PDB file of N, CA and C in Angstrom:
ATOM      1  N   MET A   1      47.211  45.706 157.584  1.00  0.00           N
ATOM      2  CA  MET A   1      47.135  46.463 158.608  1.00  0.00           C
ATOM      3  C   MET A   1      47.391  47.985 158.934  1.00  0.00           C
ATOM      4  N   TYR A   2      46.235  48.892 159.492  1.00  0.00           N
ATOM      5  CA  TYR A   2      46.151  49.889 159.964  1.00  0.00           C
ATOM      6  C   TYR A   2      47.306  50.757 160.838  1.00  0.00           C
ATOM      7  N   THR A   3      47.177  52.222 160.475  1.00  0.00           N
ATOM      8  CA  THR A   3      47.897  52.606 161.579  1.00  0.00           C
ATOM      9  C   THR A   3      47.169  54.106 161.704  1.00  0.00           C
ATOM     10  N   ILE A   4      46.920  54.694 162.675  1.00  0.00           N
ATOM     11  CA  ILE A   4      46.406  55.782 162.808  1.00  0.00           C
ATOM     12  C   ILE A   4      47.027  56.375 164.264  1.00  0.00           C
ATOM     13  N   TYR A   5      47.286  57.702 164.079  1.00  0.00           N
ATOM     14  CA  TYR A   5      48.034  58.639 164.628  1.00  0.00           C
ATOM     15  C   TYR A   5      47.538  59.711 165.112  1.00  0.00           C
ATOM     16  N   GLY A   6      47.713  60.009 166.660  1.00  0.00           N
ATOM     17  CA  GLY A   6      46.850  61.091 167.153  1.00  0.00           C
ATOM     18  C   GLY A   6      47.520  60.981 168.777  1.00  0.00           C
ATOM     19  N   ILE A   7      46.271  61.689 169.714  1.00  0.00           N
ATOM     20  CA  ILE A   7      46.821  61.612 170.669  1.00  0.00           C
ATOM     21  C   ILE A   7      45.510  60.887 171.893  1.00  0.00           C
ATOM     22  N   LYS A   8      46.034  60.473 172.409  1.00  0.00           N
ATOM     23  CA  LYS A   8      45.358  59.025 173.162  1.00  0.00           C
ATOM     24  C   LYS A   8      43.947  60.244 174.067  1.00  0.00           C
ATOM     25  N   ASN A   9      44.345  61.160 174.308  1.00  0.00           N
ATOM     26  CA  ASN A   9      43.420  61.781 175.449  1.00  0.00           C
ATOM     27  C   ASN A   9      42.704  62.763 174.276  1.00  0.00           C
ATOM     28  N   CYS A  10      42.865  62.868 173.263  1.00  0.00           N
ATOM     29  CA  CYS A  10      41.661  63.552 172.499  1.00  0.00           C
ATOM     30  C   CYS A  10      40.523  63.265 171.805  1.00  0.00           C
ATOM     31  N   SER A  11      39.635  63.914 171.880  1.00  0.00           N
ATOM     32  CA  SER A  11      38.027  63.212 172.146  1.00  0.00           C
ATOM     33  C   SER A  11      37.795  62.473 170.528  1.00  0.00           C
ATOM     34  N   THR A  12      38.260  62.825 169.796  1.00  0.00           N
ATOM     35  CA  THR A  12      37.823  62.694 168.089  1.00  0.00           C
ATOM     36  C   THR A  12      39.129  61.834 168.554  1.00  0.00           C
ATOM     37  N   VAL A  13      39.790  61.614 168.720  1.00  0.00           N
ATOM     38  CA  VAL A  13      40.866  60.282 168.350  1.00  0.00           C
ATOM     39  C   VAL A  13      40.160  59.133 169.438  1.00  0.00           C
ATOM     40  N   LYS A  14      39.384  59.881 170.204  1.00  0.00           N
ATOM     41  CA  LYS A  14      39.185  58.061 171.089  1.00  0.00           C
ATOM     42  C   LYS A  14      38.211  57.742 170.334  1.00  0.00           C
ATOM     43  N   LYS A  15      36.972  58.629 169.180  1.00  0.00           N
ATOM     44  CA  LYS A  15      35.592  58.371 168.604  1.00  0.00           C
ATOM     45  C   LYS A  15      36.307  57.429 167.511  1.00  0.00           C
ATOM     46  N   ALA A  16      37.352  57.454 166.637  1.00  0.00           N
ATOM     47  CA  ALA A  16      37.818  56.686 165.826  1.00  0.00           C
ATOM     48  C   ALA A  16      38.454  55.436 166.055  1.00  0.00           C
ATOM     49  N   LEU A  17      39.554  55.403 167.555  1.00  0.00           N
ATOM     50  CA  LEU A  17      39.785  54.061 168.069  1.00  0.00           C
ATOM     51  C   LEU A  17      38.236  53.541 168.133  1.00  0.00           C
ATOM     52  N   ASP A  18      37.406  53.935 169.206  1.00  0.00           N
ATOM     53  CA  ASP A  18      36.352  53.270 169.408  1.00  0.00           C
ATOM     54  C   ASP A  18      35.629  52.731 167.726  1.00  0.00           C
ATOM     55  N   PHE A  19      35.453  53.505 166.900  1.00  0.00           N
ATOM     56  CA  PHE A  19      34.937  53.129 165.858  1.00  0.00           C
ATOM     57  C   PHE A  19      35.999  51.474 165.132  1.00  0.00           C
ATOM     58  N   LEU A  20      37.523  51.776 165.167  1.00  0.00           N
ATOM     59  CA  LEU A  20      38.012  50.691 164.691  1.00  0.00           C
ATOM     60  C   LEU A  20      37.976  50.001 165.701  1.00  0.00           C
ATOM     61  N   ASN A  21      37.494  49.557 166.556  1.00  0.00           N
ATOM     62  CA  ASN A  21      37.185  48.023 167.641  1.00  0.00           C
ATOM     63  C   ASN A  21      36.189  48.075 167.421  1.00  0.00           C
ATOM     64  N   LYS A  22      34.991  48.688 166.858  1.00  0.00           N
ATOM     65  CA  LYS A  22      33.711  47.873 166.907  1.00  0.00           C
ATOM     66  C   LYS A  22      33.848  47.159 165.556  1.00  0.00           C
ATOM     67  N   GLN A  23      35.034  47.696 164.694  1.00  0.00           N
ATOM     68  CA  GLN A  23      34.803  46.883 163.481  1.00  0.00           C
ATOM     69  C   GLN A  23      35.481  45.906 163.584  1.00  0.00           C
ATOM     70  N   ASN A  24      36.359  45.969 164.502  1.00  0.00           N
ATOM     71  CA  ASN A  24      36.907  44.750 164.635  1.00  0.00           C
ATOM     72  C   ASN A  24      38.347  44.716 163.765  1.00  0.00           C
ATOM     73  N   THR A  25      39.043  46.261 163.660  1.00  0.00           N
ATOM     74  CA  THR A  25      39.598  46.502 162.299  1.00  0.00           C
ATOM     75  C   THR A  25      41.151  45.934 163.396  1.00  0.00           C
ATOM     76  N   ASP A  26      41.990  45.663 163.097  1.00  0.00           N
ATOM     77  CA  ASP A  26      43.645  45.133 162.932  1.00  0.00           C
ATOM     78  C   ASP A  26      44.370  47.082 163.505  1.00  0.00           C
ATOM     79  N   PHE A  27      44.480  47.472 163.888  1.00  0.00           N
ATOM     80  CA  PHE A  27      45.328  48.376 163.736  1.00  0.00           C
ATOM     81  C   PHE A  27      46.670  48.464 165.058  1.00  0.00           C
ATOM     82  N   ASP A  28      47.920  49.351 164.302  1.00  0.00           N
ATOM     83  CA  ASP A  28      48.622  50.177 165.424  1.00  0.00           C
ATOM     84  C   ASP A  28      47.964  51.666 166.309  1.00  0.00           C
ATOM     85  N   PHE A  29      48.549  51.822 166.909  1.00  0.00           N
ATOM     86  CA  PHE A  29      47.803  52.974 167.459  1.00  0.00           C
ATOM     87  C   PHE A  29      49.448  54.339 167.703  1.00  0.00           C
ATOM     88  N   VAL A  30      49.753  55.372 167.198  1.00  0.00           N
ATOM     89  CA  VAL A  30      50.585  55.854 167.523  1.00  0.00           C
ATOM     90  C   VAL A  30      50.383  56.697 168.467  1.00  0.00           C
ATOM     91  N   ASP A  31      50.737  57.258 169.588  1.00  0.00           N
ATOM     92  CA  ASP A  31      50.484  58.203 169.632  1.00  0.00           C
ATOM     93  C   ASP A  31      51.681  59.341 169.959  1.00  0.00           C
ATOM     94  N   PHE A  32      51.060  60.677 169.498  1.00  0.00           N
ATOM     95  CA  PHE A  32      52.006  61.356 169.449  1.00  0.00           C
ATOM     96  C   PHE A  32      52.871  61.870 170.667  1.00  0.00           C
ATOM     97  N   LYS A  33      52.650  62.152 172.040  1.00  0.00           N
ATOM     98  CA  LYS A  33      53.010  62.457 172.639  1.00  0.00           C
ATOM     99  C   LYS A  33      54.111  61.213 173.097  1.00  0.00           C
ATOM    100  N   LYS A  34      53.629  59.820 172.685  1.00  0.00           N
ATOM    101  CA  LYS A  34      55.167  59.288 173.039  1.00  0.00           C
ATOM    102  C   LYS A  34      55.754  58.930 171.600  1.00  0.00           C
ATOM    103  N   THR A  35      55.660  59.047 170.693  1.00  0.00           N
ATOM    104  CA  THR A  35      56.269  58.539 169.218  1.00  0.00           C
ATOM    105  C   THR A  35      56.081  59.651 168.609  1.00  0.00           C
ATOM    106  N   PRO A  36      56.712  60.832 168.508  1.00  0.00           N
ATOM    107  CA  PRO A  36      56.504  62.633 167.862  1.00  0.00           C
ATOM    108  C   PRO A  36      56.351  61.799 166.125  1.00  0.00           C
ATOM    109  N   PRO A  37      55.740  62.729 165.713  1.00  0.00           N
ATOM    110  CA  PRO A  37      55.860  62.624 164.284  1.00  0.00           C
ATOM    111  C   PRO A  37      57.179  62.728 163.744  1.00  0.00           C
ATOM    112  N   SER A  38      57.591  62.179 162.572  1.00  0.00           N
ATOM    113  CA  SER A  38      59.295  62.709 161.706  1.00  0.00           C
ATOM    114  C   SER A  38      58.595  63.783 160.922  1.00  0.00           C
ATOM    115  N   LEU A  39      59.343  64.248 160.341  1.00  0.00           N
ATOM    116  CA  LEU A  39      59.251  65.700 159.474  1.00  0.00           C
ATOM    117  C   LEU A  39      58.810  64.499 158.137  1.00  0.00           C
ATOM    118  N   ALA A  40      59.475  63.228 158.071  1.00  0.00           N
ATOM    119  CA  ALA A  40      58.622  62.771 157.000  1.00  0.00           C
ATOM    120  C   ALA A  40      57.389  62.630 156.944  1.00  0.00           C
ATOM    121  N   ASP A  41      57.173  62.303 158.205  1.00  0.00           N
ATOM    122  CA  ASP A  41      55.329  61.900 157.772  1.00  0.00           C
ATOM    123  C   ASP A  41      54.776  62.987 157.833  1.00  0.00           C
ATOM    124  N   ILE A  42      55.402  64.054 158.414  1.00  0.00           N
ATOM    125  CA  ILE A  42      54.479  65.107 158.617  1.00  0.00           C
ATOM    126  C   ILE A  42      54.622  65.897 156.846  1.00  0.00           C
ATOM    127  N   LYS A  43      55.600  65.865 155.728  1.00  0.00           N
ATOM    128  CA  LYS A  43      55.231  65.899 154.702  1.00  0.00           C
ATOM    129  C   LYS A  43      54.583  65.302 153.884  1.00  0.00           C
ATOM    130  N   ARG A  44      54.259  63.611 153.665  1.00  0.00           N
ATOM    131  CA  ARG A  44      53.407  62.771 153.531  1.00  0.00           C
ATOM    132  C   ARG A  44      51.870  63.104 153.949  1.00  0.00           C
ATOM    133  N   TRP A  45      52.031  63.459 154.731  1.00  0.00           N
ATOM    134  CA  TRP A  45      50.384  64.058 155.309  1.00  0.00           C
ATOM    135  C   TRP A  45      50.344  65.678 154.786  1.00  0.00           C
ATOM    136  N   THR A  46      51.487  66.460 154.485  1.00  0.00           N
ATOM    137  CA  THR A  46      51.167  67.693 153.633  1.00  0.00           C
ATOM    138  C   THR A  46      51.230  67.078 151.932  1.00  0.00           C
ATOM    139  N   ASP A  47      51.821  66.845 151.661  1.00  0.00           N
ATOM    140  CA  ASP A  47      51.498  65.952 150.198  1.00  0.00           C
ATOM    141  C   ASP A  47      49.918  65.636 149.729  1.00  0.00           C
ATOM    142  N   PHE A  48      48.952  64.810 150.969  1.00  0.00           N
ATOM    143  CA  PHE A  48      48.356  64.143 151.020  1.00  0.00           C
ATOM    144  C   PHE A  48      46.801  65.281 150.315  1.00  0.00           C
ATOM    145  N   LEU A  49      47.162  65.850 151.838  1.00  0.00           N
ATOM    146  CA  LEU A  49      46.300  67.328 152.153  1.00  0.00           C
ATOM    147  C   LEU A  49      46.456  68.151 150.849  1.00  0.00           C
ATOM    148  N   GLY A  50      47.600  68.607 150.777  1.00  0.00           N
ATOM    149  CA  GLY A  50      47.939  69.870 149.392  1.00  0.00           C
ATOM    150  C   GLY A  50      47.662  70.890 150.302  1.00  0.00           C
ATOM    151  N   GLU A  51      47.898  70.873 151.757  1.00  0.00           N
ATOM    152  CA  GLU A  51      48.800  72.071 152.317  1.00  0.00           C
ATOM    153  C   GLU A  51      48.844  71.280 153.690  1.00  0.00           C
ATOM    154  N   LEU A  52      49.140  71.695 154.900  1.00  0.00           N
ATOM    155  CA  LEU A  52      49.975  71.533 156.021  1.00  0.00           C
ATOM    156  C   LEU A  52      49.490  70.980 157.067  1.00  0.00           C
ATOM    157  N   PRO A  53      48.731  69.959 157.269  1.00  0.00           N
ATOM    158  CA  PRO A  53      47.739  69.008 158.145  1.00  0.00           C
ATOM    159  C   PRO A  53      47.550  69.684 159.735  1.00  0.00           C
ATOM    160  N   VAL A  54      47.470  71.096 159.635  1.00  0.00           N
ATOM    161  CA  VAL A  54      47.040  71.990 160.642  1.00  0.00           C
ATOM    162  C   VAL A  54      45.974  72.244 161.168  1.00  0.00           C
ATOM    163  N   ASN A  55      45.506  71.338 162.735  1.00  0.00           N
ATOM    164  CA  ASN A  55      44.479  71.891 162.728  1.00  0.00           C
ATOM    165  C   ASN A  55      44.364  73.638 163.615  1.00  0.00           C
ATOM    166  N   LYS A  56      43.359  74.012 162.846  1.00  0.00           N
ATOM    167  CA  LYS A  56      43.219  75.710 162.845  1.00  0.00           C
ATOM    168  C   LYS A  56      42.241  75.917 164.097  1.00  0.00           C
ATOM    169  N   HIS A  57      41.601  74.624 164.252  1.00  0.00           N
ATOM    170  CA  HIS A  57      40.168  75.418 165.277  1.00  0.00           C
ATOM    171  C   HIS A  57      40.662  74.801 166.574  1.00  0.00           C
ATOM    172  N   GLY A  58      42.206  74.300 166.996  1.00  0.00           N
ATOM    173  CA  GLY A  58      42.783  73.587 168.085  1.00  0.00           C
ATOM    174  C   GLY A  58      42.877  74.939 168.907  1.00  0.00           C
ATOM    175  N   LEU A  59      43.552  74.689 169.942  1.00  0.00           N
ATOM    176  CA  LEU A  59      43.800  75.477 170.932  1.00  0.00           C
ATOM    177  C   LEU A  59      45.027  76.203 171.195  1.00  0.00           C
ATOM    178  N   THR A  60      46.158  75.236 170.773  1.00  0.00           N
ATOM    179  CA  THR A  60      47.184  74.996 170.457  1.00  0.00           C
ATOM    180  C   THR A  60      47.600  75.788 169.691  1.00  0.00           C
ATOM    181  N   TYR A  61      47.330  75.464 168.290  1.00  0.00           N
ATOM    182  CA  TYR A  61      47.009  76.968 166.886  1.00  0.00           C
ATOM    183  C   TYR A  61      46.835  78.243 167.736  1.00  0.00           C
ATOM    184  N   ARG A  62      45.371  78.103 168.139  1.00  0.00           N
ATOM    185  CA  ARG A  62      46.009  79.821 168.529  1.00  0.00           C
ATOM    186  C   ARG A  62      46.493  80.356 169.630  1.00  0.00           C
ATOM    187  N   LYS A  63      47.193  79.686 170.267  1.00  0.00           N
ATOM    188  CA  LYS A  63      48.583  80.037 171.198  1.00  0.00           C
ATOM    189  C   LYS A  63      49.697  80.644 170.552  1.00  0.00           C
ATOM    190  N   LEU A  64      49.948  79.864 169.472  1.00  0.00           N
ATOM    191  CA  LEU A  64      50.467  79.579 169.066  1.00  0.00           C
ATOM    192  C   LEU A  64      50.880  80.011 167.260  1.00  0.00           C
ATOM    193  N   ARG A  65      49.499  80.438 166.687  1.00  0.00           N
ATOM    194  CA  ARG A  65      50.083  81.155 165.417  1.00  0.00           C
ATOM    195  C   ARG A  65      50.359  82.032 165.115  1.00  0.00           C
ATOM    196  N   GLU A  66      51.035  82.877 165.977  1.00  0.00           N
ATOM    197  CA  GLU A  66      51.243  84.593 165.584  1.00  0.00           C
ATOM    198  C   GLU A  66      53.347  83.854 165.234  1.00  0.00           C
ATOM    199  N   GLU A  67      53.687  83.091 166.457  1.00  0.00           N
ATOM    200  CA  GLU A  67      54.498  82.553 166.287  1.00  0.00           C
ATOM    201  C   GLU A  67      54.624  81.322 165.188  1.00  0.00           C
ATOM    202  N   PHE A  68      53.710  80.897 164.578  1.00  0.00           N
ATOM    203  CA  PHE A  68      53.494  80.010 163.043  1.00  0.00           C
ATOM    204  C   PHE A  68      53.651  80.241 162.070  1.00  0.00           C
ATOM    205  N   GLU A  69      52.731  81.003 161.562  1.00  0.00           N
ATOM    206  CA  GLU A  69      52.644  81.610 160.015  1.00  0.00           C
ATOM    207  C   GLU A  69      53.131  82.656 159.624  1.00  0.00           C
ATOM    208  N   PRO A  70      54.802  82.917 160.025  1.00  0.00           N
ATOM    209  CA  PRO A  70      55.064  83.637 158.949  1.00  0.00           C
ATOM    210  C   PRO A  70      56.453  83.179 158.711  1.00  0.00           C
ATOM    211  N   LEU A  71      56.342  81.782 159.646  1.00  0.00           N
ATOM    212  CA  LEU A  71      57.216  80.856 158.737  1.00  0.00           C
ATOM    213  C   LEU A  71      56.944  80.576 157.619  1.00  0.00           C
ATOM    214  N   SER A  72      58.476  79.708 156.722  1.00  0.00           N
ATOM    215  CA  SER A  72      58.332  79.040 155.530  1.00  0.00           C
ATOM    216  C   SER A  72      57.800  77.870 156.100  1.00  0.00           C
ATOM    217  N   THR A  73      57.538  76.767 154.849  1.00  0.00           N
ATOM    218  CA  THR A  73      56.723  76.209 154.738  1.00  0.00           C
ATOM    219  C   THR A  73      57.396  75.128 155.729  1.00  0.00           C
ATOM    220  N   GLN A  74      59.067  75.158 155.331  1.00  0.00           N
ATOM    221  CA  GLN A  74      59.837  74.269 155.610  1.00  0.00           C
ATOM    222  C   GLN A  74      59.932  74.046 157.390  1.00  0.00           C
ATOM    223  N   GLU A  75      59.800  75.246 157.575  1.00  0.00           N
ATOM    224  CA  GLU A  75      60.073  76.174 158.760  1.00  0.00           C
ATOM    225  C   GLU A  75      59.184  75.275 159.888  1.00  0.00           C
ATOM    226  N   LYS A  76      57.672  75.480 159.102  1.00  0.00           N
ATOM    227  CA  LYS A  76      55.803  75.089 159.769  1.00  0.00           C
ATOM    228  C   LYS A  76      56.348  73.363 159.697  1.00  0.00           C
ATOM    229  N   MET A  77      56.742  72.925 158.691  1.00  0.00           N
ATOM    230  CA  MET A  77      56.563  71.320 159.068  1.00  0.00           C
ATOM    231  C   MET A  77      57.867  71.149 160.445  1.00  0.00           C
ATOM    232  N   GLU A  78      58.569  71.906 159.941  1.00  0.00           N
ATOM    233  CA  GLU A  78      59.568  71.250 161.694  1.00  0.00           C
ATOM    234  C   GLU A  78      58.970  71.373 162.837  1.00  0.00           C
ATOM    235  N   PHE A  79      58.594  72.721 162.408  1.00  0.00           N
ATOM    236  CA  PHE A  79      57.548  73.235 164.317  1.00  0.00           C
ATOM    237  C   PHE A  79      56.570  72.260 164.502  1.00  0.00           C
ATOM    238  N   LEU A  80      55.820  71.688 163.530  1.00  0.00           N
ATOM    239  CA  LEU A  80      54.972  71.054 163.585  1.00  0.00           C
ATOM    240  C   LEU A  80      55.129  69.221 164.423  1.00  0.00           C
ATOM    241  N   VAL A  81      56.604  68.810 163.798  1.00  0.00           N
ATOM    242  CA  VAL A  81      57.044  68.150 164.548  1.00  0.00           C
ATOM    243  C   VAL A  81      57.488  68.386 166.157  1.00  0.00           C
ATOM    244  N   LYS A  82      57.521  69.397 166.059  1.00  0.00           N
ATOM    245  CA  LYS A  82      58.124  69.686 167.822  1.00  0.00           C
ATOM    246  C   LYS A  82      56.644  69.885 168.810  1.00  0.00           C
ATOM    247  N   ASN A  83      55.650  70.621 168.198  1.00  0.00           N
ATOM    248  CA  ASN A  83      54.417  71.534 168.502  1.00  0.00           C
ATOM    249  C   ASN A  83      53.403  70.084 168.009  1.00  0.00           C
ATOM    250  N   ASN A  84      53.517  68.849 168.179  1.00  0.00           N
ATOM    251  CA  ASN A  84      52.451  68.149 167.123  1.00  0.00           C
ATOM    252  C   ASN A  84      50.832  67.969 167.793  1.00  0.00           C
ATOM    253  N   SER A  85      50.451  69.158 169.228  1.00  0.00           N
ATOM    254  CA  SER A  85      49.766  68.952 169.378  1.00  0.00           C
ATOM    255  C   SER A  85      48.101  70.129 168.114  1.00  0.00           C
ATOM    256  N   MET A  86      49.148  70.442 167.507  1.00  0.00           N
ATOM    257  CA  MET A  86      48.574  71.158 166.199  1.00  0.00           C
ATOM    258  C   MET A  86      48.270  70.576 165.023  1.00  0.00           C
ATOM    259  N   ILE A  87      48.951  69.175 165.240  1.00  0.00           N
ATOM    260  CA  ILE A  87      48.606  68.404 163.714  1.00  0.00           C
ATOM    261  C   ILE A  87      46.823  67.903 163.740  1.00  0.00           C
ATOM    262  N   LYS A  88      46.211  68.051 163.183  1.00  0.00           N
ATOM    263  CA  LYS A  88      44.865  68.176 162.057  1.00  0.00           C
ATOM    264  C   LYS A  88      44.990  65.929 162.923  1.00  0.00           C
ATOM    265  N   ARG A  89      43.840  65.557 163.618  1.00  0.00           N
ATOM    266  CA  ARG A  89      43.700  64.039 164.142  1.00  0.00           C
ATOM    267  C   ARG A  89      42.775  63.216 164.045  1.00  0.00           C
ATOM    268  N   PRO A  90      42.311  62.775 164.205  1.00  0.00           N
ATOM    269  CA  PRO A  90      43.024  61.635 163.834  1.00  0.00           C
ATOM    270  C   PRO A  90      43.916  61.043 162.414  1.00  0.00           C
ATOM    271  N   ILE A  91      45.279  60.392 162.148  1.00  0.00           N
ATOM    272  CA  ILE A  91      45.232  61.009 160.743  1.00  0.00           C
ATOM    273  C   ILE A  91      44.987  58.821 160.491  1.00  0.00           C
ATOM    274  N   LEU A  92      44.368  58.403 159.058  1.00  0.00           N
ATOM    275  CA  LEU A  92      44.401  56.558 159.498  1.00  0.00           C
ATOM    276  C   LEU A  92      45.239  56.684 158.395  1.00  0.00           C
ATOM    277  N   GLU A  93      46.503  55.794 158.032  1.00  0.00           N
ATOM    278  CA  GLU A  93      46.773  55.216 157.042  1.00  0.00           C
ATOM    279  C   GLU A  93      46.841  53.618 156.858  1.00  0.00           C
ATOM    280  N   LYS A  94      47.148  53.231 155.692  1.00  0.00           N
ATOM    281  CA  LYS A  94      47.518  52.124 155.580  1.00  0.00           C
ATOM    282  C   LYS A  94      48.284  51.364 154.378  1.00  0.00           C
ATOM    283  N   LYS A  95      49.473  50.609 155.130  1.00  0.00           N
ATOM    284  CA  LYS A  95      51.047  50.945 154.529  1.00  0.00           C
ATOM    285  C   LYS A  95      51.555  51.864 154.458  1.00  0.00           C
ATOM    286  N   ALA A  96      51.477  53.224 154.935  1.00  0.00           N
ATOM    287  CA  ALA A  96      52.229  54.612 154.656  1.00  0.00           C
ATOM    288  C   ALA A  96      50.965  55.188 153.709  1.00  0.00           C
ATOM    289  N   LYS A  97      50.093  54.702 153.838  1.00  0.00           N
ATOM    290  CA  LYS A  97      49.608  55.774 152.558  1.00  0.00           C
ATOM    291  C   LYS A  97      47.851  56.486 153.193  1.00  0.00           C
ATOM    292  N   VAL A  98      48.009  57.414 153.298  1.00  0.00           N
ATOM    293  CA  VAL A  98      46.874  57.956 154.302  1.00  0.00           C
ATOM    294  C   VAL A  98      45.546  57.981 153.399  1.00  0.00           C
ATOM    295  N   LEU A  99      44.830  57.550 154.225  1.00  0.00           N
ATOM    296  CA  LEU A  99      43.146  57.377 153.648  1.00  0.00           C
ATOM    297  C   LEU A  99      42.446  58.454 154.353  1.00  0.00           C
ATOM    298  N   TYR A 100      42.913  59.049 155.169  1.00  0.00           N
ATOM    299  CA  TYR A 100      42.009  59.809 156.116  1.00  0.00           C
ATOM    300  C   TYR A 100      42.558  60.532 157.379  1.00  0.00           C
ATOM    301  N   PHE A 101      41.937  62.419 157.396  1.00  0.00           N
ATOM    302  CA  PHE A 101      42.347  63.476 158.252  1.00  0.00           C
ATOM    303  C   PHE A 101      40.683  63.627 158.402  1.00  0.00           C
ATOM    304  N   GLY A 102      41.352  63.427 160.571  1.00  0.00           N
ATOM    305  CA  GLY A 102      40.155  63.747 161.415  1.00  0.00           C
ATOM    306  C   GLY A 102      38.933  61.864 161.228  1.00  0.00           C
ATOM    307  N   PHE A 103      38.248  62.643 162.196  1.00  0.00           N
ATOM    308  CA  PHE A 103      37.480  61.709 161.968  1.00  0.00           C
ATOM    309  C   PHE A 103      35.814  62.133 161.999  1.00  0.00           C
ATOM    310  N   LYS A 104      34.752  61.299 160.997  1.00  0.00           N
ATOM    311  CA  LYS A 104      33.599  61.185 160.710  1.00  0.00           C
ATOM    312  C   LYS A 104      32.871  59.488 160.704  1.00  0.00           C
ATOM    313  N   ASN A 105      31.902  59.101 161.017  1.00  0.00           N
ATOM    314  CA  ASN A 105      31.724  57.916 160.870  1.00  0.00           C
ATOM    315  C   ASN A 105      31.276  57.430 159.652  1.00  0.00           C
ATOM    316  N   ASP A 106      31.374  57.691 158.626  1.00  0.00           N
ATOM    317  CA  ASP A 106      31.480  57.102 157.589  1.00  0.00           C
ATOM    318  C   ASP A 106      32.818  56.696 156.718  1.00  0.00           C
ATOM    319  N   TRP A 107      33.866  56.502 157.403  1.00  0.00           N
ATOM    320  CA  TRP A 107      34.915  55.705 157.365  1.00  0.00           C
ATOM    321  C   TRP A 107      34.579  54.638 156.676  1.00  0.00           C
ATOM    322  N   SER A 108      35.146  54.674 155.334  1.00  0.00           N
ATOM    323  CA  SER A 108      35.084  53.117 154.960  1.00  0.00           C
ATOM    324  C   SER A 108      36.162  52.464 154.809  1.00  0.00           C
ATOM    325  N   ILE A 109      35.995  51.255 155.904  1.00  0.00           N
ATOM    326  CA  ILE A 109      37.511  50.486 156.027  1.00  0.00           C
ATOM    327  C   ILE A 109      36.925  48.913 155.417  1.00  0.00           C
TER     328      ILE A 109
END
């Protein structure tokens, strides 16, 4: 079973959900607005990416960049828990193992 994390109204997340549905893939969707990510989630995603999972192209990041950038890594992770619109999305996992960040039509499921 797959788990996809994101924000329901995000256009990229919508494309990913549509892709998974067309593939007849069973998945659980975790909406950050209803179930914010935990610090452990942020750490797992950071470990996978080798950097914090920040969407630096997003409006939320641009608004909060000056507040966010001076923070320590630990403080940044805590900031992302509270400001989850800054997290790059969607995130696709299987058994708590990250498979993909962001969406492209070449996901191999």
